[in-house]
Amino acid sequence: MNFDLDVPAPTAGQMVASAPPTSPAGWGELLTGKNAIYAIALSGGVTLHAVNMYIATTVMPSVIVDIGGLDFYAWTTTLFVVASILGAALTAKLLRSAGPRAAYVVASMLFAGGTLICSLSPNMPVMLVGRSVQGLGGGFLYALAYGLTRLVLPERLWGRAIGLVSAMFGVATLVGPAVGGVFAEYGAWRAAFWSLIPLTVAFALLAFATLPRASRDGQEQQSVPLLQLVLLTGAVLAVSAGSLSAELSWNLAGLLAGLAMIALIAAADGRGGTRLLPKRAFSIATPLGALYLTIALLMIGMQPEVFVPYLLRQLHGQSPIWAGYLAALMALGWTAASLLSSRWQESHGDRLVVAGPVLVTTGLTLFAFFMPVHGAGDPAYLLPICVGLVLVGFGIGLAWPSLVTRVYGSVTDGDQDLAAGGVTTVQLFAIAFGTACAGMVANFAGIAEPGGIAGASKAALWLGSVFALAPLLCIVVALRAVRLTSKARRRPA
């Protein structure tokens, strides 16, 4: 990120009007008539992508037993994430080239094709190909949900629609592991994959019948930012590969290599021409740069979630099932807040953007205090942990609809598609980056060596303490984002 504070914010004449609607829109307006069909199509695609992630994670041990490939176990997730990020980054190009209707159908068919390959895989290399194609289609579906929201729905419904889309990840957290667990229990992991195909086809047909053929934006065609995409892929792989090593030096090398590639992406985007993100998205001196950085820091702060099931089992005596569902409290908090905050953002949007990281910081502080204690199921320790997990998710969900709608209002007309796709690109990259960092912190703290209760306790303390810094910094960035967006709205054209 470029932290040059002398770059002026876009004038109101350069920006899309972002003043909040005069009267709040209700859920009934979104969930009736043609708006309801659009909402089902867009949120359905995101649900497929999210449910698939949890199903795959649940059934993958059964896959390894059947077709082998334990050495490539981690790559089934890594390649899926990398492909999803590439899909999100290419969404603006797909929308401009194919239009809303064809773009959604292409994304659905890629996802269905990758799912079919996974279900038929005779060995792990074929499974990796399927997961990559799945990830590409899923990344398109996720980013299209944001991009198409502003194209097919009136502005007064954007907050509700984004809240609904965001809430689908919480739903997937409950549905995905349960569905995957049932199929794994009966040794039918292939059916777990192909069971998603009819739903994917149904959503594709719904989109084909309802979405407009062409975008009303009439934007010019742009080339694919090949250099930036190569660097983005390299950054994710470098950080992920570095996190796999037990040596701190390799961890840091991967982390620094990833950050260096992000700096190169910023430099390439700054030269003009074909861009990965909208103009001045890498500068915190602009509303868009501050908003994107807020999104990234919130996502990074959530990543200790990866170790929550293990820590709950090791330190607090929870069964695998209970540990898994207690870990899902973050996602449930996100879902609840996304649905609630969409009704408040018209009048309290600025406060929500700042309150979100405050709650995330509070939740991680509770995590740092109570998770490291070997409580063996004592409610005196378990209850604060649960409250902390809910607060982390609730804080993100509280800010999310307001953040995304402000991204829409912080760019020129020609950058609207890039801005929408950029939300997902930044989010997914921050998740990959944060997950790798969580692995580094846990390994450094001794979760594997010395391991056991002592290693788990120290890892919990370090994870809570280190990752609380991300939302703490996010409070400062969010305040800046609110100030910049408010100033831009007040500035005369």
Protein backbone atom coordinates (compact mmCIF):
# COMPACT_ATOMS: atom_id res chain seq x y z
CA MET A 1 0.00 0.00 0.00
CA ASN A 2 1.18 3.51 -0.78
CA PHE A 3 0.95 5.64 2.34
CA ASP A 4 1.63 8.96 0.58
CA LEU A 5 -0.87 11.26 2.28
CA ASP A 6 -0.53 14.05 -0.27
CA VAL A 7 -2.65 12.35 -2.93
CA PRO A 8 -5.95 14.23 -3.14
CA ALA A 9 -9.24 12.37 -2.83
CA PRO A 10 -11.48 12.27 -5.92
CA THR A 11 -13.82 15.21 -6.18
CA ALA A 12 -17.55 14.72 -5.89
CA GLY A 13 -17.82 15.43 -9.61
CA GLN A 14 -15.56 12.47 -10.34
CA MET A 15 -17.44 10.09 -8.08
CA VAL A 16 -20.70 8.27 -8.28
CA ALA A 17 -23.27 9.94 -6.06
CA SER A 18 -23.11 8.11 -2.75
CA ALA A 19 -25.45 10.01 -0.52
CA PRO A 20 -27.66 7.57 1.37
CA PRO A 21 -31.27 7.18 0.26
CA THR A 22 -33.81 9.35 2.02
CA SER A 23 -35.92 6.41 3.21
CA PRO A 24 -34.58 3.02 4.33
CA ALA A 25 -35.44 0.00 2.23
CA GLY A 26 -36.92 -3.04 3.95
CA TRP A 27 -36.34 -6.75 3.43
CA GLY A 28 -39.78 -7.05 1.89
CA GLU A 29 -38.75 -4.85 -1.02
CA LEU A 30 -35.68 -7.00 -1.70
CA LEU A 31 -37.43 -10.35 -1.28
CA THR A 32 -40.50 -9.75 -3.46
CA GLY A 33 -41.06 -9.59 -7.19
CA LYS A 34 -38.16 -9.44 -9.61
CA ASN A 35 -35.81 -8.20 -6.89
CA ALA A 36 -36.31 -11.50 -5.07
CA ILE A 37 -35.28 -13.46 -8.17
CA TYR A 38 -32.12 -11.39 -8.48
CA ALA A 39 -31.38 -11.84 -4.77
CA ILE A 40 -31.82 -15.62 -4.99
CA ALA A 41 -29.54 -15.89 -8.02
CA LEU A 42 -26.76 -13.74 -6.58
CA SER A 43 -26.81 -15.11 -3.03
CA GLY A 44 -27.26 -18.65 -4.37
CA GLY A 45 -24.02 -18.51 -6.32
CA VAL A 46 -22.14 -17.35 -3.23
CA THR A 47 -23.77 -20.10 -1.16
CA LEU A 48 -22.59 -22.75 -3.63
CA HIS A 49 -19.03 -21.42 -3.45
CA ALA A 50 -19.06 -21.27 0.35
CA VAL A 51 -20.79 -24.61 0.99
CA ASN A 52 -18.38 -26.29 -1.41
CA MET A 53 -15.40 -25.02 0.59
CA TYR A 54 -16.66 -26.62 3.79
CA ILE A 55 -17.81 -29.82 2.08
CA ALA A 56 -14.39 -30.27 0.47
CA THR A 57 -12.60 -29.70 3.78
CA THR A 58 -14.82 -32.27 5.49
CA VAL A 59 -14.56 -35.05 2.88
CA MET A 60 -10.90 -34.61 1.90
CA PRO A 61 -9.60 -37.14 4.49
CA SER A 62 -11.90 -39.73 2.86
CA VAL A 63 -10.60 -38.71 -0.56
CA ILE A 64 -7.02 -39.35 0.57
CA VAL A 65 -7.94 -42.81 1.87
CA ASP A 66 -9.58 -43.70 -1.45
CA ILE A 67 -7.27 -42.24 -4.13
CA GLY A 68 -4.12 -41.37 -2.16
CA GLY A 69 -2.09 -38.20 -2.57
CA LEU A 70 -1.44 -37.26 1.05
CA ASP A 71 1.62 -35.24 -0.02
CA PHE A 72 -0.70 -32.95 -2.01
CA TYR A 73 -3.32 -32.60 0.73
CA ALA A 74 -2.62 -28.93 1.45
CA TRP A 75 -2.57 -28.10 -2.26
CA THR A 76 -6.25 -28.98 -2.64
CA THR A 77 -7.00 -25.87 -0.60
CA THR A 78 -4.09 -23.71 -1.79
CA LEU A 79 -4.90 -24.09 -5.51
CA PHE A 80 -8.60 -23.56 -4.85
CA VAL A 81 -7.86 -20.29 -3.03
CA VAL A 82 -5.40 -19.08 -5.68
CA ALA A 83 -7.89 -19.83 -8.46
CA SER A 84 -10.67 -18.09 -6.52
CA ILE A 85 -8.55 -14.95 -6.18
CA LEU A 86 -7.78 -15.02 -9.91
CA GLY A 87 -11.50 -15.43 -10.68
CA ALA A 88 -12.36 -12.46 -8.50
CA ALA A 89 -9.63 -10.36 -10.12
CA LEU A 90 -10.87 -11.24 -13.63
CA THR A 91 -14.54 -10.60 -12.90
CA ALA A 92 -14.51 -7.04 -14.25
CA LYS A 93 -13.06 -8.31 -17.54
CA LEU A 94 -15.66 -11.08 -17.74
CA LEU A 95 -18.53 -8.67 -17.08
CA ARG A 96 -17.34 -6.22 -19.72
CA SER A 97 -16.75 -8.93 -22.31
CA ALA A 98 -19.79 -11.13 -21.80
CA GLY A 99 -22.39 -9.00 -20.01
CA PRO A 100 -24.19 -9.92 -16.75
CA ARG A 101 -26.22 -12.87 -18.08
CA ALA A 102 -23.43 -14.67 -19.92
CA ALA A 103 -20.89 -13.88 -17.18
CA TYR A 104 -23.02 -15.62 -14.54
CA VAL A 105 -23.61 -18.61 -16.81
CA VAL A 106 -19.89 -18.92 -17.62
CA ALA A 107 -19.02 -18.75 -13.92
CA SER A 108 -21.64 -21.38 -13.07
CA MET A 109 -20.46 -23.75 -15.80
CA LEU A 110 -16.84 -23.43 -14.69
CA PHE A 111 -17.86 -24.22 -11.13
CA ALA A 112 -20.02 -27.16 -12.25
CA GLY A 113 -17.27 -28.46 -14.55
CA GLY A 114 -14.68 -28.32 -11.79
CA THR A 115 -17.07 -30.04 -9.40
CA LEU A 116 -17.68 -32.82 -11.93
CA ILE A 117 -13.92 -33.32 -12.37
CA CYS A 118 -13.52 -33.60 -8.58
CA SER A 119 -16.32 -36.16 -8.34
CA LEU A 120 -14.75 -38.35 -11.05
CA SER A 121 -11.09 -37.97 -9.97
CA PRO A 122 -9.15 -41.27 -10.14
CA ASN A 123 -6.07 -39.73 -8.51
CA MET A 124 -4.89 -36.59 -6.74
CA PRO A 125 -3.45 -34.75 -9.80
CA VAL A 126 -6.89 -34.85 -11.45
CA MET A 127 -8.46 -33.73 -8.16
CA LEU A 128 -6.11 -30.73 -8.12
CA VAL A 129 -7.22 -29.78 -11.64
CA GLY A 130 -10.85 -30.02 -10.56
CA ARG A 131 -10.27 -27.93 -7.45
CA SER A 132 -8.53 -25.26 -9.54
CA VAL A 133 -11.42 -25.04 -12.01
CA GLN A 134 -13.88 -25.04 -9.11
CA GLY A 135 -12.00 -22.21 -7.46
CA LEU A 136 -11.95 -20.13 -10.65
CA GLY A 137 -15.71 -20.51 -11.12
CA GLY A 138 -16.38 -19.92 -7.43
CA GLY A 139 -14.28 -16.75 -7.43
CA PHE A 140 -16.30 -15.48 -10.39
CA LEU A 141 -19.60 -16.29 -8.65
CA TYR A 142 -18.55 -14.57 -5.43
CA ALA A 143 -17.30 -11.39 -7.11
CA LEU A 144 -20.26 -11.28 -9.51
CA ALA A 145 -22.62 -11.15 -6.54
CA TYR A 146 -21.15 -7.76 -5.62
CA GLY A 147 -20.70 -6.55 -9.19
CA LEU A 148 -24.23 -7.44 -10.30
CA THR A 149 -25.89 -6.07 -7.17
CA ARG A 150 -25.34 -2.50 -8.33
CA LEU A 151 -26.36 -3.36 -11.91
CA VAL A 152 -29.70 -5.10 -11.32
CA LEU A 153 -30.94 -3.58 -8.05
CA PRO A 154 -31.78 0.03 -7.13
CA GLU A 155 -29.22 1.79 -4.96
CA ARG A 156 -31.52 1.87 -1.95
CA LEU A 157 -31.39 -1.98 -1.86
CA TRP A 158 -27.63 -2.38 -2.16
CA GLY A 159 -27.07 -2.57 1.59
CA ARG A 160 -29.77 -5.22 2.06
CA ALA A 161 -28.45 -7.28 -0.86
CA ILE A 162 -24.84 -7.12 0.35
CA GLY A 163 -25.97 -8.09 3.84
CA LEU A 164 -27.78 -11.10 2.39
CA VAL A 165 -24.78 -12.16 0.28
CA SER A 166 -22.46 -11.75 3.26
CA ALA A 167 -24.77 -13.80 5.48
CA MET A 168 -24.51 -16.80 3.17
CA PHE A 169 -21.06 -17.67 4.51
CA GLY A 170 -22.51 -18.15 7.97
CA VAL A 171 -25.20 -20.41 6.55
CA ALA A 172 -22.53 -22.38 4.68
CA THR A 173 -20.54 -22.84 7.90
CA LEU A 174 -23.46 -24.81 9.34
CA VAL A 175 -24.63 -26.61 6.19
CA GLY A 176 -21.29 -27.46 4.55
CA PRO A 177 -19.66 -29.56 7.32
CA ALA A 178 -22.96 -31.30 8.07
CA VAL A 179 -23.55 -32.28 4.43
CA GLY A 180 -19.92 -33.26 3.92
CA GLY A 181 -19.94 -35.25 7.16
CA VAL A 182 -22.97 -37.28 6.11
CA PHE A 183 -21.43 -38.18 2.77
CA ALA A 184 -18.05 -38.98 4.38
CA GLU A 185 -19.75 -41.16 6.99
CA TYR A 186 -21.17 -43.39 4.26
CA GLY A 187 -18.00 -43.35 2.15
CA ALA A 188 -19.70 -41.38 -0.64
CA TRP A 189 -17.30 -38.46 -1.03
CA ARG A 190 -17.85 -38.39 -4.81
CA ALA A 191 -21.56 -37.81 -4.27
CA ALA A 192 -20.71 -34.90 -1.96
CA PHE A 193 -19.20 -33.14 -4.97
CA TRP A 194 -21.69 -33.99 -7.71
CA SER A 195 -24.66 -33.23 -5.45
CA LEU A 196 -23.82 -29.55 -6.01
CA ILE A 197 -24.07 -29.79 -9.80
CA PRO A 198 -27.91 -29.77 -10.12
CA LEU A 199 -28.11 -26.71 -7.86
CA THR A 200 -25.44 -24.96 -9.91
CA VAL A 201 -27.30 -25.66 -13.15
CA ALA A 202 -30.55 -24.43 -11.58
CA PHE A 203 -28.99 -21.12 -10.55
CA ALA A 204 -27.42 -20.74 -14.00
CA LEU A 205 -30.81 -21.23 -15.67
CA LEU A 206 -32.40 -18.73 -13.28
CA ALA A 207 -29.70 -16.19 -14.09
CA PHE A 208 -30.06 -16.81 -17.83
CA ALA A 209 -33.79 -16.19 -17.63
CA THR A 210 -33.64 -13.04 -15.49
CA LEU A 211 -30.33 -11.17 -15.70
CA PRO A 212 -29.88 -8.48 -18.38
CA ARG A 213 -27.89 -9.39 -21.48
CA ALA A 214 -25.74 -6.23 -21.40
CA SER A 215 -24.51 -3.88 -18.69
CA ARG A 216 -26.05 -0.43 -18.57
CA ASP A 217 -22.60 1.02 -17.87
CA GLY A 218 -21.41 0.71 -21.46
CA GLN A 219 -17.79 0.50 -20.34
CA GLU A 220 -14.84 0.14 -22.70
CA GLN A 221 -13.12 -3.18 -23.10
CA GLN A 222 -9.80 -3.49 -21.29
CA SER A 223 -6.93 -5.92 -21.54
CA VAL A 224 -6.26 -8.51 -18.85
CA PRO A 225 -3.65 -7.26 -16.31
CA LEU A 226 -1.37 -10.24 -16.86
CA LEU A 227 1.63 -8.90 -14.93
CA GLN A 228 -0.47 -8.06 -11.89
CA LEU A 229 -2.22 -11.44 -11.96
CA VAL A 230 1.10 -13.29 -12.15
CA LEU A 231 2.41 -11.25 -9.22
CA LEU A 232 -0.81 -11.80 -7.25
CA THR A 233 -0.59 -15.56 -7.78
CA GLY A 234 3.07 -15.51 -6.82
CA ALA A 235 2.32 -13.55 -3.65
CA VAL A 236 -0.28 -16.06 -2.46
CA LEU A 237 1.95 -19.05 -3.28
CA ALA A 238 5.01 -17.47 -1.66
CA VAL A 239 3.23 -16.73 1.61
CA SER A 240 1.51 -20.14 1.62
CA ALA A 241 4.71 -22.04 0.84
CA GLY A 242 6.65 -20.12 3.47
CA SER A 243 4.06 -20.95 6.12
CA LEU A 244 4.53 -24.70 5.55
CA SER A 245 8.11 -24.64 6.82
CA ALA A 246 8.99 -25.19 10.47
CA GLU A 247 11.87 -22.72 10.09
CA LEU A 248 11.13 -19.11 11.04
CA SER A 249 13.57 -17.87 8.42
CA TRP A 250 11.55 -19.53 5.62
CA ASN A 251 8.31 -18.21 7.13
CA LEU A 252 9.64 -14.67 7.03
CA ALA A 253 11.11 -15.13 3.55
CA GLY A 254 7.72 -16.19 2.18
CA LEU A 255 6.00 -13.32 3.96
CA LEU A 256 8.46 -10.71 2.69
CA ALA A 257 8.31 -12.12 -0.85
CA GLY A 258 4.53 -11.85 -0.81
CA LEU A 259 4.63 -8.25 0.43
CA ALA A 260 7.24 -7.36 -2.20
CA MET A 261 4.99 -8.71 -4.95
CA ILE A 262 2.04 -6.67 -3.64
CA ALA A 263 4.26 -3.58 -3.79
CA LEU A 264 5.10 -4.45 -7.41
CA ILE A 265 1.37 -4.79 -8.19
CA ALA A 266 0.80 -1.33 -6.74
CA ALA A 267 3.63 0.05 -8.88
CA ALA A 268 2.28 -1.64 -12.02
CA ASP A 269 -1.24 -0.32 -11.38
CA GLY A 270 0.16 3.15 -10.73
CA ARG A 271 1.79 3.33 -14.17
CA GLY A 272 -1.64 3.50 -15.81
CA GLY A 273 -2.92 1.29 -18.59
CA THR A 274 -4.42 -2.06 -17.61
CA ARG A 275 -5.12 -2.17 -13.89
CA LEU A 276 -6.01 -4.86 -11.36
CA LEU A 277 -7.80 -2.45 -8.99
CA PRO A 278 -9.37 0.98 -9.56
CA LYS A 279 -7.28 4.13 -9.72
CA ARG A 280 -5.52 5.07 -6.47
CA ALA A 281 -6.78 1.93 -4.72
CA PHE A 282 -3.31 1.41 -3.20
CA SER A 283 -3.20 4.84 -1.53
CA ILE A 284 -4.59 5.29 1.96
CA ALA A 285 -4.91 8.99 1.15
CA THR A 286 -7.99 8.19 -0.94
CA PRO A 287 -11.38 6.94 0.30
CA LEU A 288 -11.09 3.76 -1.79
CA GLY A 289 -7.60 2.91 -0.51
CA ALA A 290 -8.69 3.39 3.10
CA LEU A 291 -11.80 1.26 2.55
CA TYR A 292 -9.85 -1.58 0.93
CA LEU A 293 -7.28 -1.52 3.72
CA THR A 294 -10.10 -1.65 6.28
CA ILE A 295 -11.49 -4.75 4.56
CA ALA A 296 -8.05 -6.38 4.47
CA LEU A 297 -7.30 -5.74 8.15
CA LEU A 298 -10.70 -7.08 9.24
CA MET A 299 -10.13 -10.27 7.26
CA ILE A 300 -6.64 -10.75 8.66
CA GLY A 301 -7.97 -10.30 12.20
CA MET A 302 -10.39 -13.19 11.73
CA GLN A 303 -7.81 -15.82 10.79
CA PRO A 304 -7.02 -17.29 14.25
CA GLU A 305 -10.33 -19.05 13.53
CA VAL A 306 -8.28 -21.73 11.74
CA PHE A 307 -6.88 -22.99 15.06
CA VAL A 308 -10.01 -22.57 17.20
CA PRO A 309 -11.25 -26.21 16.90
CA TYR A 310 -7.82 -27.60 17.85
CA LEU A 311 -7.41 -25.21 20.78
CA LEU A 312 -10.90 -25.91 22.10
CA ARG A 313 -10.24 -29.64 22.02
CA GLN A 314 -6.74 -29.43 23.50
CA LEU A 315 -7.31 -26.79 26.18
CA HIS A 316 -11.03 -26.91 26.96
CA GLY A 317 -11.99 -30.56 26.57
CA GLN A 318 -14.49 -30.15 23.74
CA SER A 319 -15.45 -33.03 21.47
CA PRO A 320 -14.63 -32.70 17.74
CA ILE A 321 -18.27 -31.91 16.90
CA TRP A 322 -18.66 -29.30 19.63
CA ALA A 323 -15.28 -27.75 18.86
CA GLY A 324 -16.29 -27.42 15.22
CA TYR A 325 -19.61 -25.79 15.97
CA LEU A 326 -18.18 -23.47 18.61
CA ALA A 327 -15.62 -22.37 16.03
CA ALA A 328 -18.56 -21.54 13.75
CA LEU A 329 -19.66 -18.84 16.22
CA MET A 330 -17.54 -16.34 14.28
CA ALA A 331 -19.43 -17.05 11.09
CA LEU A 332 -22.78 -17.00 12.89
CA GLY A 333 -21.93 -13.62 14.40
CA TRP A 334 -21.02 -12.34 10.93
CA THR A 335 -24.32 -13.60 9.51
CA ALA A 336 -26.44 -12.06 12.26
CA ALA A 337 -24.69 -8.70 12.04
CA SER A 338 -24.85 -8.61 8.23
CA LEU A 339 -28.60 -9.05 8.31
CA LEU A 340 -29.06 -6.51 11.11
CA SER A 341 -26.63 -3.82 9.96
CA SER A 342 -28.15 -3.47 6.50
CA ARG A 343 -31.16 -1.75 8.10
CA TRP A 344 -28.97 0.69 10.04
CA GLN A 345 -26.45 1.76 7.43
CA GLU A 346 -28.59 4.50 5.88
CA SER A 347 -28.53 6.52 9.09
CA HIS A 348 -25.54 5.06 11.00
CA GLY A 349 -23.21 3.76 8.27
CA ASP A 350 -20.16 5.76 9.39
CA ARG A 351 -20.54 4.54 12.96
CA LEU A 352 -20.86 0.93 11.82
CA VAL A 353 -17.62 1.12 9.84
CA VAL A 354 -15.76 2.18 13.00
CA ALA A 355 -17.71 0.04 15.49
CA GLY A 356 -16.89 -3.12 13.52
CA PRO A 357 -13.12 -3.18 14.18
CA VAL A 358 -13.73 -2.09 17.79
CA LEU A 359 -15.82 -5.22 18.36
CA VAL A 360 -13.27 -7.42 16.56
CA THR A 361 -10.50 -6.05 18.79
CA THR A 362 -12.61 -6.73 21.88
CA GLY A 363 -13.34 -10.28 20.74
CA LEU A 364 -9.67 -11.09 20.10
CA THR A 365 -8.74 -9.61 23.46
CA LEU A 366 -11.14 -12.03 25.16
CA PHE A 367 -9.60 -14.79 23.03
CA ALA A 368 -6.10 -13.85 24.21
CA PHE A 369 -7.12 -13.78 27.88
CA PHE A 370 -9.28 -16.89 28.15
CA MET A 371 -8.34 -19.33 25.35
CA PRO A 372 -4.80 -20.02 26.70
CA VAL A 373 -6.15 -21.16 30.09
CA HIS A 374 -6.45 -24.93 30.45
CA GLY A 375 -10.09 -24.81 31.50
CA ALA A 376 -11.12 -28.42 30.72
CA GLY A 377 -14.64 -27.29 29.86
CA ASP A 378 -15.07 -24.88 32.79
CA PRO A 379 -17.89 -22.46 31.77
CA ALA A 380 -16.03 -19.61 33.48
CA TYR A 381 -13.45 -19.80 30.68
CA LEU A 382 -15.53 -21.25 27.87
CA LEU A 383 -18.28 -18.60 27.99
CA PRO A 384 -15.92 -15.61 27.50
CA ILE A 385 -14.26 -17.47 24.64
CA CYS A 386 -17.63 -17.97 22.95
CA VAL A 387 -18.52 -14.31 23.47
CA GLY A 388 -15.18 -13.31 21.97
CA LEU A 389 -15.70 -15.50 18.89
CA VAL A 390 -19.18 -14.05 18.33
CA LEU A 391 -17.84 -10.50 18.70
CA VAL A 392 -15.15 -11.07 16.07
CA GLY A 393 -17.70 -12.21 13.49
CA PHE A 394 -20.32 -9.71 14.58
CA GLY A 395 -17.89 -6.83 14.21
CA ILE A 396 -17.01 -7.78 10.62
CA GLY A 397 -20.64 -8.34 9.65
CA LEU A 398 -21.64 -5.05 11.25
CA ALA A 399 -19.23 -3.06 9.08
CA TRP A 400 -19.39 -5.11 5.88
CA PRO A 401 -22.47 -3.77 4.02
CA SER A 402 -21.48 -0.17 4.78
CA LEU A 403 -17.91 -0.81 3.62
CA VAL A 404 -18.96 -2.35 0.30
CA THR A 405 -21.55 0.30 -0.53
CA ARG A 406 -18.94 2.98 0.20
CA VAL A 407 -16.54 1.28 -2.18
CA TYR A 408 -19.17 1.62 -4.90
CA GLY A 409 -19.47 5.33 -4.16
CA SER A 410 -15.73 6.02 -4.09
CA VAL A 411 -14.86 5.43 -7.75
CA THR A 412 -15.64 6.91 -11.13
CA ASP A 413 -18.24 5.35 -13.42
CA GLY A 414 -15.58 3.56 -15.49
CA ASP A 415 -14.11 1.80 -12.45
CA GLN A 416 -17.34 0.41 -10.95
CA ASP A 417 -16.74 -3.18 -12.11
CA LEU A 418 -13.10 -3.09 -11.00
CA ALA A 419 -14.16 -1.77 -7.61
CA ALA A 420 -16.76 -4.51 -7.09
CA GLY A 421 -14.37 -7.27 -8.14
CA GLY A 422 -11.67 -5.64 -6.04
CA VAL A 423 -13.70 -6.17 -2.86
CA THR A 424 -13.53 -9.94 -3.35
CA THR A 425 -9.92 -9.89 -4.55
CA VAL A 426 -8.79 -7.95 -1.47
CA GLN A 427 -10.92 -10.10 0.84
CA LEU A 428 -9.69 -13.45 -0.48
CA PHE A 429 -6.06 -12.37 -0.61
CA ALA A 430 -6.25 -11.06 2.97
CA ILE A 431 -7.75 -14.39 4.09
CA ALA A 432 -4.93 -16.34 2.39
CA PHE A 433 -2.32 -13.97 3.78
CA GLY A 434 -3.82 -14.02 7.28
CA THR A 435 -4.17 -17.81 7.34
CA ALA A 436 -0.50 -18.21 6.41
CA CYS A 437 0.49 -15.70 9.09
CA ALA A 438 -1.62 -17.56 11.66
CA GLY A 439 0.27 -20.74 10.82
CA MET A 440 3.59 -18.94 11.25
CA VAL A 441 2.59 -17.44 14.60
CA ALA A 442 1.27 -20.77 15.92
CA ASN A 443 4.41 -22.65 14.83
CA PHE A 444 6.67 -19.99 16.34
CA ALA A 445 4.72 -20.20 19.61
CA GLY A 446 5.22 -23.97 19.81
CA ILE A 447 1.88 -25.48 18.83
CA ALA A 448 3.74 -28.46 17.32
CA GLU A 449 6.99 -28.34 19.29
CA PRO A 450 6.75 -28.76 22.29
CA GLY A 451 3.07 -29.28 21.42
CA GLY A 452 0.52 -30.64 23.88
CA ILE A 453 -1.24 -28.39 26.37
CA ALA A 454 1.79 -26.16 26.91
CA GLY A 455 2.28 -25.55 23.18
CA ALA A 456 -1.44 -25.00 22.57
CA SER A 457 -1.68 -22.53 25.45
CA LYS A 458 1.27 -20.47 24.25
CA ALA A 459 0.00 -20.55 20.67
CA ALA A 460 -3.45 -19.32 21.80
CA LEU A 461 -1.87 -16.40 23.66
CA TRP A 462 0.27 -15.39 20.70
CA LEU A 463 -2.54 -15.76 18.18
CA GLY A 464 -4.94 -13.62 20.19
CA SER A 465 -2.34 -10.97 21.02
CA VAL A 466 -0.71 -10.64 17.60
CA PHE A 467 -3.89 -10.73 15.55
CA ALA A 468 -5.63 -8.20 17.80
CA LEU A 469 -3.17 -5.67 16.35
CA ALA A 470 -4.87 -5.91 12.92
CA PRO A 471 -8.33 -4.67 14.02
CA LEU A 472 -6.67 -2.20 16.41
CA LEU A 473 -4.89 -0.60 13.45
CA CYS A 474 -8.12 -0.99 11.50
CA ILE A 475 -9.90 1.40 13.90
CA VAL A 476 -7.50 4.16 12.85
CA VAL A 477 -7.87 3.30 9.15
CA ALA A 478 -11.67 3.09 9.43
CA LEU A 479 -11.83 6.53 11.03
CA ARG A 480 -9.77 7.87 8.14
CA ALA A 481 -12.01 6.12 5.59
CA VAL A 482 -15.13 7.65 7.18
CA ARG A 483 -13.56 11.11 7.23
CA LEU A 484 -12.44 10.89 3.58
CA THR A 485 -15.75 9.57 2.25
CA SER A 486 -17.72 12.17 4.22
CA LYS A 487 -15.47 14.95 2.90
CA ALA A 488 -15.90 13.70 -0.68
CA ARG A 489 -19.71 13.66 -0.35
CA ARG A 490 -19.78 17.21 0.97
CA ARG A 491 -17.43 18.61 -1.69
CA PRO A 492 -19.33 20.47 -4.41
CA ALA A 493 -19.11 19.14 -7.96
